[in-house]
């Protein structure tokens, strides 16, 4: 059954637009490096509603195992270590299956 991962970030005060661009570039490369990704969209909040998170990622996989492959992939883990961890004030995530009954 299709499986979706959604994660949102609130950046720390020290994060500037150059850092966000580095995150965007790094995330954009992941689908070409991790075969289990079926759909991968991400981007910064456009600022039309108050209280929104700063950045979101929505990733689709064929099944839970596809997500686990992505979650544990060395390239993904390196991106988290270099560009995400220590740069976020908050993180929220959810994974869920969709389609079917």
C-alpha atoms as a PDB file:
ATOM      1  CA  UNK A   1       0.000   0.000   0.000  1.00  0.00           C
ATOM      2  CA  UNK A   2       1.383   3.476  -0.837  1.00  0.00           C
ATOM      3  CA  UNK A   3       3.149   5.175   2.034  1.00  0.00           C
ATOM      4  CA  UNK A   4       3.705   8.892   2.627  1.00  0.00           C
ATOM      5  CA  UNK A   5       6.225  10.732   4.809  1.00  0.00           C
ATOM      6  CA  UNK A   6       5.615  14.392   5.669  1.00  0.00           C
ATOM      7  CA  UNK A   7       8.113  16.439   7.670  1.00  0.00           C
ATOM      8  CA  UNK A   8       8.066  20.142   8.560  1.00  0.00           C
ATOM      9  CA  UNK A   9      10.773  22.343  10.008  1.00  0.00           C
ATOM     10  CA  UNK A  10      10.946  25.625  11.836  1.00  0.00           C
ATOM     11  CA  UNK A  11      14.439  26.968  11.271  1.00  0.00           C
ATOM     12  CA  UNK A  12      16.613  28.253  14.082  1.00  0.00           C
ATOM     13  CA  UNK A  13      17.209  31.992  14.280  1.00  0.00           C
ATOM     14  CA  UNK A  14      20.713  31.595  12.831  1.00  0.00           C
ATOM     15  CA  UNK A  15      19.516  29.982   9.570  1.00  0.00           C
ATOM     16  CA  UNK A  16      19.784  32.310   6.576  1.00  0.00           C
ATOM     17  CA  UNK A  17      18.528  32.012   2.994  1.00  0.00           C
ATOM     18  CA  UNK A  18      21.859  30.575   1.815  1.00  0.00           C
ATOM     19  CA  UNK A  19      21.445  27.683   4.239  1.00  0.00           C
ATOM     20  CA  UNK A  20      17.858  27.090   3.134  1.00  0.00           C
ATOM     21  CA  UNK A  21      19.079  27.023  -0.475  1.00  0.00           C
ATOM     22  CA  UNK A  22      21.692  24.401   0.475  1.00  0.00           C
ATOM     23  CA  UNK A  23      18.918  22.309   2.074  1.00  0.00           C
ATOM     24  CA  UNK A  24      16.779  22.718  -1.040  1.00  0.00           C
ATOM     25  CA  UNK A  25      19.651  21.650  -3.291  1.00  0.00           C
ATOM     26  CA  UNK A  26      20.499  18.651  -1.117  1.00  0.00           C
ATOM     27  CA  UNK A  27      16.910  17.466  -0.900  1.00  0.00           C
ATOM     28  CA  UNK A  28      16.436  17.845  -4.661  1.00  0.00           C
ATOM     29  CA  UNK A  29      19.264  15.367  -5.268  1.00  0.00           C
ATOM     30  CA  UNK A  30      17.835  12.592  -3.074  1.00  0.00           C
ATOM     31  CA  UNK A  31      15.346  11.115  -5.602  1.00  0.00           C
ATOM     32  CA  UNK A  32      18.229  10.450  -8.002  1.00  0.00           C
ATOM     33  CA  UNK A  33      20.201   8.713  -5.253  1.00  0.00           C
ATOM     34  CA  UNK A  34      17.520   6.686  -3.441  1.00  0.00           C
ATOM     35  CA  UNK A  35      15.583   4.317  -5.689  1.00  0.00           C
ATOM     36  CA  UNK A  36      12.671   3.756  -3.290  1.00  0.00           C
ATOM     37  CA  UNK A  37      11.403   7.361  -3.634  1.00  0.00           C
ATOM     38  CA  UNK A  38       8.339   7.509  -5.920  1.00  0.00           C
ATOM     39  CA  UNK A  39       7.452  11.200  -5.477  1.00  0.00           C
ATOM     40  CA  UNK A  40       9.369  13.912  -3.642  1.00  0.00           C
ATOM     41  CA  UNK A  41       8.263  17.516  -3.262  1.00  0.00           C
ATOM     42  CA  UNK A  42       9.560  20.116  -0.830  1.00  0.00           C
ATOM     43  CA  UNK A  43       9.771  23.835  -0.339  1.00  0.00           C
ATOM     44  CA  UNK A  44       9.660  26.907   1.850  1.00  0.00           C
ATOM     45  CA  UNK A  45       6.426  28.332   3.179  1.00  0.00           C
ATOM     46  CA  UNK A  46       5.304  31.273   1.032  1.00  0.00           C
ATOM     47  CA  UNK A  47       4.202  33.327   4.023  1.00  0.00           C
ATOM     48  CA  UNK A  48       0.520  33.922   3.277  1.00  0.00           C
ATOM     49  CA  UNK A  49      -0.747  32.546   6.611  1.00  0.00           C
ATOM     50  CA  UNK A  50       0.531  33.250  10.108  1.00  0.00           C
ATOM     51  CA  UNK A  51       1.884  30.440  12.254  1.00  0.00           C
ATOM     52  CA  UNK A  52       2.984  28.160   9.429  1.00  0.00           C
ATOM     53  CA  UNK A  53       6.121  26.074   9.532  1.00  0.00           C
ATOM     54  CA  UNK A  54       9.127  27.257   7.506  1.00  0.00           C
ATOM     55  CA  UNK A  55       9.794  24.250   5.275  1.00  0.00           C
ATOM     56  CA  UNK A  56       8.032  21.017   4.318  1.00  0.00           C
ATOM     57  CA  UNK A  57       8.948  17.742   2.608  1.00  0.00           C
ATOM     58  CA  UNK A  58       6.389  15.264   1.239  1.00  0.00           C
ATOM     59  CA  UNK A  59       7.792  11.936   0.075  1.00  0.00           C
ATOM     60  CA  UNK A  60       5.891   8.957  -1.331  1.00  0.00           C
ATOM     61  CA  UNK A  61       6.985   5.324  -1.406  1.00  0.00           C
ATOM     62  CA  UNK A  62       5.477   2.050  -2.592  1.00  0.00           C
ATOM     63  CA  UNK A  63       5.339   0.702   0.959  1.00  0.00           C
ATOM     64  CA  UNK A  64       6.753   1.005   4.484  1.00  0.00           C
ATOM     65  CA  UNK A  65       9.977  -0.754   3.473  1.00  0.00           C
ATOM     66  CA  UNK A  66      10.590   1.880   0.802  1.00  0.00           C
ATOM     67  CA  UNK A  67      10.357   4.569   3.480  1.00  0.00           C
ATOM     68  CA  UNK A  68      12.721   2.674   5.781  1.00  0.00           C
ATOM     69  CA  UNK A  69      15.220   2.389   2.924  1.00  0.00           C
ATOM     70  CA  UNK A  70      15.031   6.183   2.489  1.00  0.00           C
ATOM     71  CA  UNK A  71      15.079   6.908   6.218  1.00  0.00           C
ATOM     72  CA  UNK A  72      18.222   4.849   6.769  1.00  0.00           C
ATOM     73  CA  UNK A  73      20.020   5.654   3.501  1.00  0.00           C
ATOM     74  CA  UNK A  74      23.544   7.035   4.116  1.00  0.00           C
ATOM     75  CA  UNK A  75      23.012   9.997   1.756  1.00  0.00           C
ATOM     76  CA  UNK A  76      19.820  11.010   3.568  1.00  0.00           C
ATOM     77  CA  UNK A  77      21.454  10.592   6.973  1.00  0.00           C
ATOM     78  CA  UNK A  78      24.423  12.727   5.902  1.00  0.00           C
ATOM     79  CA  UNK A  79      22.108  15.489   4.690  1.00  0.00           C
ATOM     80  CA  UNK A  80      20.311  15.451   8.044  1.00  0.00           C
ATOM     81  CA  UNK A  81      23.598  15.587   9.939  1.00  0.00           C
ATOM     82  CA  UNK A  82      25.090  18.402   7.856  1.00  0.00           C
ATOM     83  CA  UNK A  83      22.069  20.589   7.059  1.00  0.00           C
ATOM     84  CA  UNK A  84      19.149  19.815   9.374  1.00  0.00           C
ATOM     85  CA  UNK A  85      20.323  18.770  12.827  1.00  0.00           C
ATOM     86  CA  UNK A  86      21.306  21.840  14.829  1.00  0.00           C
ATOM     87  CA  UNK A  87      19.584  24.156  12.360  1.00  0.00           C
ATOM     88  CA  UNK A  88      15.962  23.592  13.362  1.00  0.00           C
ATOM     89  CA  UNK A  89      14.038  25.036  16.271  1.00  0.00           C
ATOM     90  CA  UNK A  90      11.278  22.449  15.792  1.00  0.00           C
ATOM     91  CA  UNK A  91      10.514  19.417  13.663  1.00  0.00           C
ATOM     92  CA  UNK A  92       7.204  17.660  13.104  1.00  0.00           C
ATOM     93  CA  UNK A  93       6.660  14.511  11.063  1.00  0.00           C
ATOM     94  CA  UNK A  94       3.998  11.979  10.212  1.00  0.00           C
ATOM     95  CA  UNK A  95       3.993   8.834   8.113  1.00  0.00           C
ATOM     96  CA  UNK A  96       0.802   7.227   6.847  1.00  0.00           C
ATOM     97  CA  UNK A  97      -0.521   4.751   4.334  1.00  0.00           C
ATOM     98  CA  UNK A  98      -3.015   5.952   1.757  1.00  0.00           C
ATOM     99  CA  UNK A  99      -5.182   4.517  -0.982  1.00  0.00           C
ATOM    100  CA  UNK A 100      -7.144   1.337  -0.798  1.00  0.00           C
ATOM    101  CA  UNK A 101      -9.867   1.070   1.858  1.00  0.00           C
END
